[in-house]
Amino acid sequence: MYFCGLKIVLNKMRIIKILPFIAAIALLSSCKVPQKVSYFQDLYAGKTLTVSEYQGVRLRPGDHINIIVKSKNETIAKQLNIGDSFGATGYLLDQNGDVEFLQIGKIHLAGMTREEVQNRIKDEIEKRSLGKDVIVSVEYVNLHFSVLGEVKVPHEYEFKRDKVTITEAIAMAGDLTINGTRDRVFVLREEGGKRVTYQLSLLNAEQLVQSPAYYLQQNDIVYVDMNDTRKRQSTASGNQFQSASIWVSMISLLSTITILLLR
């Protein structure tokens, strides 16, 4: 009986000694600094990056643009700025990617950049002797992209200029929330009648700027995935067991139960 009692006491002492170490490990684990929060972790002073070649925003059927022709001759300018059913200077690319320019006729614009459209319209005007020394400018009307998911301001944004990068789009949306996964940023893009998905990581600047999705196209959908903490928030007690205090409470409870059982 003496040896049995001594054995129980020794076991009790061992358990009591081990429990603080378990509590300390739980606390240290909860205090661990997240590694996937800071952007561009591969950067250092003086590093140069090779950016993917910019392909330009190319017009597609359904895009709405303004074509504005300027000339010293006000009569010519007025005649060339009539536009279609959208009103003065407004043109909608039909299902074939064409527009009907009153003084020129049908012109195929799908697949062209804004600069290419400007040059094409100017060449057609001069070729038909409709005006000399004209200046043609093209403006986007309904070209946009969407930013969704774990960003502060999910929204549909318009193209104000040609070159819009993924980082600029995220900045427009107010940056990622703390629950956004920096290495799971997706761009869904229309290509050949299908939606192609690109995955980007904001942790690696070199890989990011070399991605085909670094420069956005019209109708792109940018989606920032949520981290596990955010996913667990969908349930009432999802993150309860991630808290250090709950682990300390559980260890304290287990210690009390163990001591009572060993008495």
C-alpha atoms as a PDB file:
ATOM      1  CA  MET A   1       0.000   0.000   0.000  1.00  0.00           C
ATOM      2  CA  TYR A   2       2.835   2.333   0.852  1.00  0.00           C
ATOM      3  CA  PHE A   3       4.491   1.831  -2.548  1.00  0.00           C
ATOM      4  CA  CYS A   4       1.154   2.256  -4.357  1.00  0.00           C
ATOM      5  CA  GLY A   5       0.526   5.500  -2.513  1.00  0.00           C
ATOM      6  CA  LEU A   6       4.033   6.702  -3.255  1.00  0.00           C
ATOM      7  CA  LYS A   7       3.583   5.849  -6.934  1.00  0.00           C
ATOM      8  CA  ILE A   8       0.335   7.848  -7.116  1.00  0.00           C
ATOM      9  CA  VAL A   9       1.995  10.820  -5.443  1.00  0.00           C
ATOM     10  CA  LEU A  10       4.926  10.696  -7.881  1.00  0.00           C
ATOM     11  CA  ASN A  11       2.588  10.437 -10.875  1.00  0.00           C
ATOM     12  CA  LYS A  12       0.583  13.366  -9.537  1.00  0.00           C
ATOM     13  CA  MET A  13       3.755  15.425  -9.181  1.00  0.00           C
ATOM     14  CA  ARG A  14       4.875  14.567 -12.713  1.00  0.00           C
ATOM     15  CA  ILE A  15       1.507  15.607 -14.168  1.00  0.00           C
ATOM     16  CA  ILE A  16       1.456  18.833 -12.180  1.00  0.00           C
ATOM     17  CA  LYS A  17       4.982  19.639 -13.412  1.00  0.00           C
ATOM     18  CA  ILE A  18       4.118  18.896 -17.048  1.00  0.00           C
ATOM     19  CA  LEU A  19       0.926  20.978 -17.173  1.00  0.00           C
ATOM     20  CA  PRO A  20       2.682  24.392 -16.983  1.00  0.00           C
ATOM     21  CA  PHE A  21       4.853  23.402 -19.968  1.00  0.00           C
ATOM     22  CA  ILE A  22       1.744  22.467 -21.946  1.00  0.00           C
ATOM     23  CA  ALA A  23       0.160  25.807 -21.057  1.00  0.00           C
ATOM     24  CA  ALA A  24       3.342  27.647 -22.090  1.00  0.00           C
ATOM     25  CA  ILE A  25       3.416  25.856 -25.466  1.00  0.00           C
ATOM     26  CA  ALA A  26      -0.225  26.775 -26.062  1.00  0.00           C
ATOM     27  CA  LEU A  27       0.477  30.423 -25.249  1.00  0.00           C
ATOM     28  CA  LEU A  28       3.573  30.554 -27.460  1.00  0.00           C
ATOM     29  CA  SER A  29       1.652  28.988 -30.344  1.00  0.00           C
ATOM     30  CA  SER A  30      -1.062  31.621 -30.045  1.00  0.00           C
ATOM     31  CA  CYS A  31       1.576  34.384 -30.054  1.00  0.00           C
ATOM     32  CA  LYS A  32       3.304  33.143 -33.222  1.00  0.00           C
ATOM     33  CA  VAL A  33       3.731  35.925 -35.791  1.00  0.00           C
ATOM     34  CA  PRO A  34       1.833  35.155 -39.056  1.00  0.00           C
ATOM     35  CA  GLN A  35       4.244  34.722 -41.970  1.00  0.00           C
ATOM     36  CA  LYS A  36       1.833  35.377 -44.848  1.00  0.00           C
ATOM     37  CA  VAL A  37       0.705  38.928 -44.112  1.00  0.00           C
ATOM     38  CA  SER A  38       3.401  41.285 -45.475  1.00  0.00           C
ATOM     39  CA  TYR A  39       3.355  41.919 -49.222  1.00  0.00           C
ATOM     40  CA  PHE A  40       6.307  41.388 -51.576  1.00  0.00           C
ATOM     41  CA  GLN A  41       8.462  39.394 -49.189  1.00  0.00           C
ATOM     42  CA  ASP A  42      11.075  38.739 -51.886  1.00  0.00           C
ATOM     43  CA  LEU A  43      11.970  42.420 -52.307  1.00  0.00           C
ATOM     44  CA  TYR A  44      15.195  44.010 -51.157  1.00  0.00           C
ATOM     45  CA  ALA A  45      16.858  47.347 -51.868  1.00  0.00           C
ATOM     46  CA  GLY A  46      18.165  47.523 -55.414  1.00  0.00           C
ATOM     47  CA  LYS A  47      16.247  44.515 -56.770  1.00  0.00           C
ATOM     48  CA  THR A  48      14.942  44.974 -60.321  1.00  0.00           C
ATOM     49  CA  LEU A  49      11.810  43.276 -61.653  1.00  0.00           C
ATOM     50  CA  THR A  50      10.950  42.299 -65.219  1.00  0.00           C
ATOM     51  CA  VAL A  51       7.298  43.149 -65.825  1.00  0.00           C
ATOM     52  CA  SER A  52       5.144  41.110 -68.205  1.00  0.00           C
ATOM     53  CA  GLU A  53       4.581  42.685 -71.598  1.00  0.00           C
ATOM     54  CA  TYR A  54       1.520  44.921 -71.684  1.00  0.00           C
ATOM     55  CA  GLN A  55      -0.908  43.680 -74.317  1.00  0.00           C
ATOM     56  CA  GLY A  56      -3.306  46.612 -74.078  1.00  0.00           C
ATOM     57  CA  VAL A  57      -7.048  46.697 -73.456  1.00  0.00           C
ATOM     58  CA  ARG A  58      -8.538  45.354 -76.679  1.00  0.00           C
ATOM     59  CA  LEU A  59     -12.129  46.104 -77.588  1.00  0.00           C
ATOM     60  CA  ARG A  60     -14.747  43.346 -77.619  1.00  0.00           C
ATOM     61  CA  PRO A  61     -18.337  43.050 -78.859  1.00  0.00           C
ATOM     62  CA  GLY A  62     -20.622  44.907 -76.460  1.00  0.00           C
ATOM     63  CA  ASP A  63     -18.047  47.539 -75.516  1.00  0.00           C
ATOM     64  CA  HIS A  64     -19.280  51.134 -75.609  1.00  0.00           C
ATOM     65  CA  ILE A  65     -16.859  53.865 -76.633  1.00  0.00           C
ATOM     66  CA  ASN A  66     -16.865  57.515 -77.602  1.00  0.00           C
ATOM     67  CA  ILE A  67     -15.091  58.535 -80.815  1.00  0.00           C
ATOM     68  CA  ILE A  68     -14.389  62.259 -80.873  1.00  0.00           C
ATOM     69  CA  VAL A  69     -13.064  63.944 -84.027  1.00  0.00           C
ATOM     70  CA  LYS A  70     -11.574  67.429 -83.795  1.00  0.00           C
ATOM     71  CA  SER A  71     -10.890  69.692 -86.751  1.00  0.00           C
ATOM     72  CA  LYS A  72     -10.210  73.341 -87.446  1.00  0.00           C
ATOM     73  CA  ASN A  73     -13.207  73.170 -89.765  1.00  0.00           C
ATOM     74  CA  GLU A  74     -16.222  73.228 -87.436  1.00  0.00           C
ATOM     75  CA  THR A  75     -18.569  71.955 -90.149  1.00  0.00           C
ATOM     76  CA  ILE A  76     -16.448  68.852 -90.757  1.00  0.00           C
ATOM     77  CA  ALA A  77     -16.087  68.247 -87.012  1.00  0.00           C
ATOM     78  CA  LYS A  78     -19.854  68.484 -86.542  1.00  0.00           C
ATOM     79  CA  GLN A  79     -20.526  66.029 -89.381  1.00  0.00           C
ATOM     80  CA  LEU A  80     -18.020  63.479 -88.054  1.00  0.00           C
ATOM     81  CA  ASN A  81     -19.250  63.608 -84.461  1.00  0.00           C
ATOM     82  CA  ILE A  82     -22.827  62.474 -85.002  1.00  0.00           C
ATOM     83  CA  GLY A  83     -22.354  58.998 -83.471  1.00  0.00           C
ATOM     84  CA  ASP A  84     -24.950  56.208 -83.426  1.00  0.00           C
ATOM     85  CA  SER A  85     -28.148  55.658 -81.448  1.00  0.00           C
ATOM     86  CA  PHE A  86     -26.244  56.335 -78.203  1.00  0.00           C
ATOM     87  CA  GLY A  87     -26.015  59.986 -79.123  1.00  0.00           C
ATOM     88  CA  ALA A  88     -23.184  62.267 -80.156  1.00  0.00           C
ATOM     89  CA  THR A  89     -19.818  60.467 -80.423  1.00  0.00           C
ATOM     90  CA  GLY A  90     -21.148  57.258 -78.784  1.00  0.00           C
ATOM     91  CA  TYR A  91     -20.643  53.866 -80.462  1.00  0.00           C
ATOM     92  CA  LEU A  92     -21.530  50.350 -79.335  1.00  0.00           C
ATOM     93  CA  LEU A  93     -19.618  47.443 -80.867  1.00  0.00           C
ATOM     94  CA  ASP A  94     -22.170  44.962 -82.215  1.00  0.00           C
ATOM     95  CA  GLN A  95     -21.960  41.172 -81.827  1.00  0.00           C
ATOM     96  CA  ASN A  96     -19.447  41.045 -84.665  1.00  0.00           C
ATOM     97  CA  GLY A  97     -17.282  43.765 -83.140  1.00  0.00           C
ATOM     98  CA  ASP A  98     -18.300  46.385 -85.725  1.00  0.00           C
ATOM     99  CA  VAL A  99     -19.533  49.967 -85.480  1.00  0.00           C
ATOM    100  CA  GLU A 100     -21.426  51.990 -88.084  1.00  0.00           C
ATOM    101  CA  PHE A 101     -19.602  55.274 -88.613  1.00  0.00           C
ATOM    102  CA  LEU A 102     -21.998  57.520 -90.528  1.00  0.00           C
ATOM    103  CA  GLN A 103     -19.516  59.135 -92.916  1.00  0.00           C
ATOM    104  CA  ILE A 104     -17.388  56.014 -93.368  1.00  0.00           C
ATOM    105  CA  GLY A 105     -19.637  52.982 -93.042  1.00  0.00           C
ATOM    106  CA  LYS A 106     -19.118  49.785 -91.077  1.00  0.00           C
ATOM    107  CA  ILE A 107     -15.717  49.453 -89.389  1.00  0.00           C
ATOM    108  CA  HIS A 108     -14.439  46.402 -87.512  1.00  0.00           C
ATOM    109  CA  LEU A 109     -12.921  47.506 -84.195  1.00  0.00           C
ATOM    110  CA  ALA A 110     -12.923  44.335 -82.076  1.00  0.00           C
ATOM    111  CA  GLY A 111      -9.414  43.301 -81.056  1.00  0.00           C
ATOM    112  CA  MET A 112      -8.053  46.840 -81.384  1.00  0.00           C
ATOM    113  CA  THR A 113      -6.539  48.990 -78.668  1.00  0.00           C
ATOM    114  CA  ARG A 114      -7.683  52.558 -78.154  1.00  0.00           C
ATOM    115  CA  GLU A 115      -4.636  53.897 -80.018  1.00  0.00           C
ATOM    116  CA  GLU A 116      -5.245  51.542 -82.937  1.00  0.00           C
ATOM    117  CA  VAL A 117      -8.873  52.688 -83.202  1.00  0.00           C
ATOM    118  CA  GLN A 118      -7.804  56.326 -83.229  1.00  0.00           C
ATOM    119  CA  ASN A 119      -5.326  55.696 -86.049  1.00  0.00           C
ATOM    120  CA  ARG A 120      -7.831  53.606 -88.021  1.00  0.00           C
ATOM    121  CA  ILE A 121     -10.571  56.255 -87.874  1.00  0.00           C
ATOM    122  CA  LYS A 122      -8.149  59.027 -88.798  1.00  0.00           C
ATOM    123  CA  ASP A 123      -6.832  57.030 -91.791  1.00  0.00           C
ATOM    124  CA  GLU A 124     -10.387  56.337 -93.014  1.00  0.00           C
ATOM    125  CA  ILE A 125     -11.350  60.009 -92.739  1.00  0.00           C
ATOM    126  CA  GLU A 126      -8.283  61.182 -94.639  1.00  0.00           C
ATOM    127  CA  LYS A 127      -8.534  58.391 -97.227  1.00  0.00           C
ATOM    128  CA  ARG A 128     -12.082  59.508 -98.083  1.00  0.00           C
ATOM    129  CA  SER A 129     -11.054  63.175 -98.093  1.00  0.00           C
ATOM    130  CA  LEU A 130     -13.602  63.921 -95.351  1.00  0.00           C
ATOM    131  CA  GLY A 131     -11.167  66.155 -93.510  1.00  0.00           C
ATOM    132  CA  LYS A 132      -7.489  67.005 -93.177  1.00  0.00           C
ATOM    133  CA  ASP A 133      -5.333  67.309 -90.086  1.00  0.00           C
ATOM    134  CA  VAL A 134      -8.064  65.868 -87.894  1.00  0.00           C
ATOM    135  CA  ILE A 135      -7.429  64.673 -84.346  1.00  0.00           C
ATOM    136  CA  VAL A 136      -9.259  61.535 -83.233  1.00  0.00           C
ATOM    137  CA  SER A 137      -9.611  60.506 -79.594  1.00  0.00           C
ATOM    138  CA  VAL A 138     -11.340  57.458 -78.134  1.00  0.00           C
ATOM    139  CA  GLU A 139     -12.805  57.214 -74.637  1.00  0.00           C
ATOM    140  CA  TYR A 140     -14.069  54.158 -72.777  1.00  0.00           C
ATOM    141  CA  VAL A 141     -17.668  54.350 -71.609  1.00  0.00           C
ATOM    142  CA  ASN A 142     -18.647  51.024 -70.045  1.00  0.00           C
ATOM    143  CA  LEU A 143     -15.364  49.149 -69.654  1.00  0.00           C
ATOM    144  CA  HIS A 144     -14.979  47.907 -66.098  1.00  0.00           C
ATOM    145  CA  PHE A 145     -13.542  45.251 -63.762  1.00  0.00           C
ATOM    146  CA  SER A 146     -14.790  43.912 -60.417  1.00  0.00           C
ATOM    147  CA  VAL A 147     -12.949  43.369 -57.130  1.00  0.00           C
ATOM    148  CA  LEU A 148     -14.605  40.932 -54.713  1.00  0.00           C
ATOM    149  CA  GLY A 149     -13.837  38.934 -51.576  1.00  0.00           C
ATOM    150  CA  GLU A 150     -11.676  40.018 -48.650  1.00  0.00           C
ATOM    151  CA  VAL A 151     -11.143  43.652 -49.635  1.00  0.00           C
ATOM    152  CA  LYS A 152     -12.422  46.712 -47.799  1.00  0.00           C
ATOM    153  CA  VAL A 153     -14.512  48.098 -50.673  1.00  0.00           C
ATOM    154  CA  PRO A 154     -15.708  45.315 -53.024  1.00  0.00           C
ATOM    155  CA  HIS A 155     -17.084  47.070 -56.076  1.00  0.00           C
ATOM    156  CA  GLU A 156     -17.223  47.338 -59.865  1.00  0.00           C
ATOM    157  CA  TYR A 157     -14.634  49.864 -61.102  1.00  0.00           C
ATOM    158  CA  GLU A 158     -14.372  51.642 -64.446  1.00  0.00           C
ATOM    159  CA  PHE A 159     -11.291  51.820 -66.633  1.00  0.00           C
ATOM    160  CA  LYS A 160     -10.186  55.431 -66.437  1.00  0.00           C
ATOM    161  CA  ARG A 161      -7.005  54.652 -68.394  1.00  0.00           C
ATOM    162  CA  ASP A 162      -5.497  51.761 -70.338  1.00  0.00           C
ATOM    163  CA  LYS A 163      -2.968  50.339 -67.891  1.00  0.00           C
ATOM    164  CA  VAL A 164      -4.533  49.122 -64.651  1.00  0.00           C
ATOM    165  CA  THR A 165      -2.495  46.591 -62.639  1.00  0.00           C
ATOM    166  CA  ILE A 166      -3.755  44.063 -60.103  1.00  0.00           C
ATOM    167  CA  THR A 167      -2.113  46.071 -57.290  1.00  0.00           C
ATOM    168  CA  GLU A 168      -3.807  49.280 -58.448  1.00  0.00           C
ATOM    169  CA  ALA A 169      -7.156  47.473 -58.544  1.00  0.00           C
ATOM    170  CA  ILE A 170      -6.646  46.253 -54.968  1.00  0.00           C
ATOM    171  CA  ALA A 171      -5.691  49.787 -53.901  1.00  0.00           C
ATOM    172  CA  MET A 172      -8.924  51.103 -55.461  1.00  0.00           C
ATOM    173  CA  ALA A 173     -10.794  48.547 -53.357  1.00  0.00           C
ATOM    174  CA  GLY A 174      -9.175  49.866 -50.179  1.00  0.00           C
ATOM    175  CA  ASP A 175      -6.559  47.078 -49.842  1.00  0.00           C
ATOM    176  CA  LEU A 176      -7.093  43.556 -48.487  1.00  0.00           C
ATOM    177  CA  THR A 177      -8.621  43.024 -45.076  1.00  0.00           C
ATOM    178  CA  ILE A 178      -6.456  41.265 -42.492  1.00  0.00           C
ATOM    179  CA  ASN A 179      -8.452  38.112 -43.308  1.00  0.00           C
ATOM    180  CA  GLY A 180      -7.534  38.133 -47.001  1.00  0.00           C
ATOM    181  CA  THR A 181      -5.093  35.448 -48.128  1.00  0.00           C
ATOM    182  CA  ARG A 182      -2.173  37.198 -49.797  1.00  0.00           C
ATOM    183  CA  ASP A 183      -1.218  34.128 -51.840  1.00  0.00           C
ATOM    184  CA  ARG A 184      -4.743  33.297 -53.057  1.00  0.00           C
ATOM    185  CA  VAL A 185      -5.751  36.229 -55.247  1.00  0.00           C
ATOM    186  CA  PHE A 186      -7.610  35.081 -58.352  1.00  0.00           C
ATOM    187  CA  VAL A 187      -8.328  36.813 -61.649  1.00  0.00           C
ATOM    188  CA  LEU A 188     -11.172  35.391 -63.742  1.00  0.00           C
ATOM    189  CA  ARG A 189     -10.860  36.494 -67.365  1.00  0.00           C
ATOM    190  CA  GLU A 190     -12.893  35.990 -70.532  1.00  0.00           C
ATOM    191  CA  GLU A 191     -10.737  34.354 -73.203  1.00  0.00           C
ATOM    192  CA  GLY A 192     -12.149  32.736 -76.319  1.00  0.00           C
ATOM    193  CA  GLY A 193     -15.643  32.462 -74.903  1.00  0.00           C
ATOM    194  CA  LYS A 194     -14.418  30.843 -71.652  1.00  0.00           C
ATOM    195  CA  ARG A 195     -13.510  32.045 -68.167  1.00  0.00           C
ATOM    196  CA  VAL A 196      -9.816  31.421 -67.499  1.00  0.00           C
ATOM    197  CA  THR A 197      -8.611  31.575 -63.876  1.00  0.00           C
ATOM    198  CA  TYR A 198      -5.219  32.963 -62.854  1.00  0.00           C
ATOM    199  CA  GLN A 199      -3.903  32.637 -59.296  1.00  0.00           C
ATOM    200  CA  LEU A 200      -1.558  35.343 -58.030  1.00  0.00           C
ATOM    201  CA  SER A 201       0.427  35.823 -54.840  1.00  0.00           C
ATOM    202  CA  LEU A 202       1.065  39.222 -53.295  1.00  0.00           C
ATOM    203  CA  LEU A 203       3.871  37.670 -51.263  1.00  0.00           C
ATOM    204  CA  ASN A 204       6.175  37.375 -54.283  1.00  0.00           C
ATOM    205  CA  ALA A 205       6.588  40.570 -56.310  1.00  0.00           C
ATOM    206  CA  GLU A 206       8.687  38.971 -59.056  1.00  0.00           C
ATOM    207  CA  GLN A 207       6.115  36.291 -59.854  1.00  0.00           C
ATOM    208  CA  LEU A 208       3.282  38.817 -59.572  1.00  0.00           C
ATOM    209  CA  VAL A 209       4.583  41.300 -62.162  1.00  0.00           C
ATOM    210  CA  GLN A 210       5.352  38.466 -64.602  1.00  0.00           C
ATOM    211  CA  SER A 211       1.825  37.045 -64.504  1.00  0.00           C
ATOM    212  CA  PRO A 212      -0.385  37.456 -67.623  1.00  0.00           C
ATOM    213  CA  ALA A 213      -3.032  38.790 -65.210  1.00  0.00           C
ATOM    214  CA  TYR A 214      -0.805  41.549 -63.794  1.00  0.00           C
ATOM    215  CA  TYR A 215      -2.470  44.012 -66.184  1.00  0.00           C
ATOM    216  CA  LEU A 216      -6.261  43.805 -66.035  1.00  0.00           C
ATOM    217  CA  GLN A 217      -8.642  43.546 -68.981  1.00  0.00           C
ATOM    218  CA  GLN A 218     -12.264  44.671 -69.209  1.00  0.00           C
ATOM    219  CA  ASN A 219     -14.750  42.382 -67.420  1.00  0.00           C
ATOM    220  CA  ASP A 220     -11.992  40.836 -65.277  1.00  0.00           C
ATOM    221  CA  ILE A 221     -13.131  39.613 -61.854  1.00  0.00           C
ATOM    222  CA  VAL A 222     -10.551  39.927 -59.075  1.00  0.00           C
ATOM    223  CA  TYR A 223     -11.367  37.698 -56.101  1.00  0.00           C
ATOM    224  CA  VAL A 224      -9.416  37.638 -52.819  1.00  0.00           C
ATOM    225  CA  ASP A 225      -9.924  34.407 -50.882  1.00  0.00           C
ATOM    226  CA  MET A 226     -10.509  34.429 -47.113  1.00  0.00           C
ATOM    227  CA  ASN A 227      -8.234  32.806 -44.539  1.00  0.00           C
ATOM    228  CA  ASP A 228      -9.215  30.013 -42.153  1.00  0.00           C
ATOM    229  CA  THR A 229      -9.990  32.450 -39.346  1.00  0.00           C
ATOM    230  CA  ARG A 230     -12.568  34.210 -41.508  1.00  0.00           C
ATOM    231  CA  LYS A 231     -14.071  30.894 -42.600  1.00  0.00           C
ATOM    232  CA  ARG A 232     -14.445  29.755 -38.999  1.00  0.00           C
ATOM    233  CA  GLN A 233     -16.375  32.923 -38.217  1.00  0.00           C
ATOM    234  CA  SER A 234     -19.294  31.471 -40.155  1.00  0.00           C
ATOM    235  CA  THR A 235     -20.089  29.362 -37.053  1.00  0.00           C
ATOM    236  CA  ALA A 236     -20.838  30.646 -33.542  1.00  0.00           C
ATOM    237  CA  SER A 237     -17.811  28.995 -31.910  1.00  0.00           C
ATOM    238  CA  GLY A 238     -15.562  28.626 -34.952  1.00  0.00           C
ATOM    239  CA  ASN A 239     -12.538  30.491 -33.559  1.00  0.00           C
ATOM    240  CA  GLN A 240     -13.107  29.699 -29.910  1.00  0.00           C
ATOM    241  CA  PHE A 241     -10.429  27.015 -29.799  1.00  0.00           C
ATOM    242  CA  GLN A 242      -7.883  29.326 -31.456  1.00  0.00           C
ATOM    243  CA  SER A 243      -7.794  31.588 -28.394  1.00  0.00           C
ATOM    244  CA  ALA A 244      -4.959  31.192 -25.885  1.00  0.00           C
ATOM    245  CA  SER A 245      -7.312  31.903 -22.977  1.00  0.00           C
ATOM    246  CA  ILE A 246      -9.542  28.956 -23.834  1.00  0.00           C
ATOM    247  CA  TRP A 247      -6.521  26.634 -23.867  1.00  0.00           C
ATOM    248  CA  VAL A 248      -5.324  27.917 -20.501  1.00  0.00           C
ATOM    249  CA  SER A 249      -8.824  27.401 -19.099  1.00  0.00           C
ATOM    250  CA  MET A 250      -8.976  23.873 -20.477  1.00  0.00           C
ATOM    251  CA  ILE A 251      -5.550  22.992 -19.065  1.00  0.00           C
ATOM    252  CA  SER A 252      -6.543  24.413 -15.682  1.00  0.00           C
ATOM    253  CA  LEU A 253      -9.720  22.324 -15.742  1.00  0.00           C
ATOM    254  CA  LEU A 254      -7.806  19.186 -16.722  1.00  0.00           C
ATOM    255  CA  SER A 255      -5.310  19.830 -13.932  1.00  0.00           C
ATOM    256  CA  THR A 256      -8.084  20.056 -11.358  1.00  0.00           C
ATOM    257  CA  ILE A 257      -9.757  16.891 -12.644  1.00  0.00           C
ATOM    258  CA  THR A 258      -6.438  14.994 -12.682  1.00  0.00           C
ATOM    259  CA  ILE A 259      -5.592  15.999  -9.136  1.00  0.00           C
ATOM    260  CA  LEU A 260      -9.042  14.975  -7.905  1.00  0.00           C
ATOM    261  CA  LEU A 261      -8.787  11.594  -9.632  1.00  0.00           C
ATOM    262  CA  LEU A 262      -5.361  10.898  -8.202  1.00  0.00           C
ATOM    263  CA  ARG A 263      -6.327  11.610  -4.626  1.00  0.00           C
END
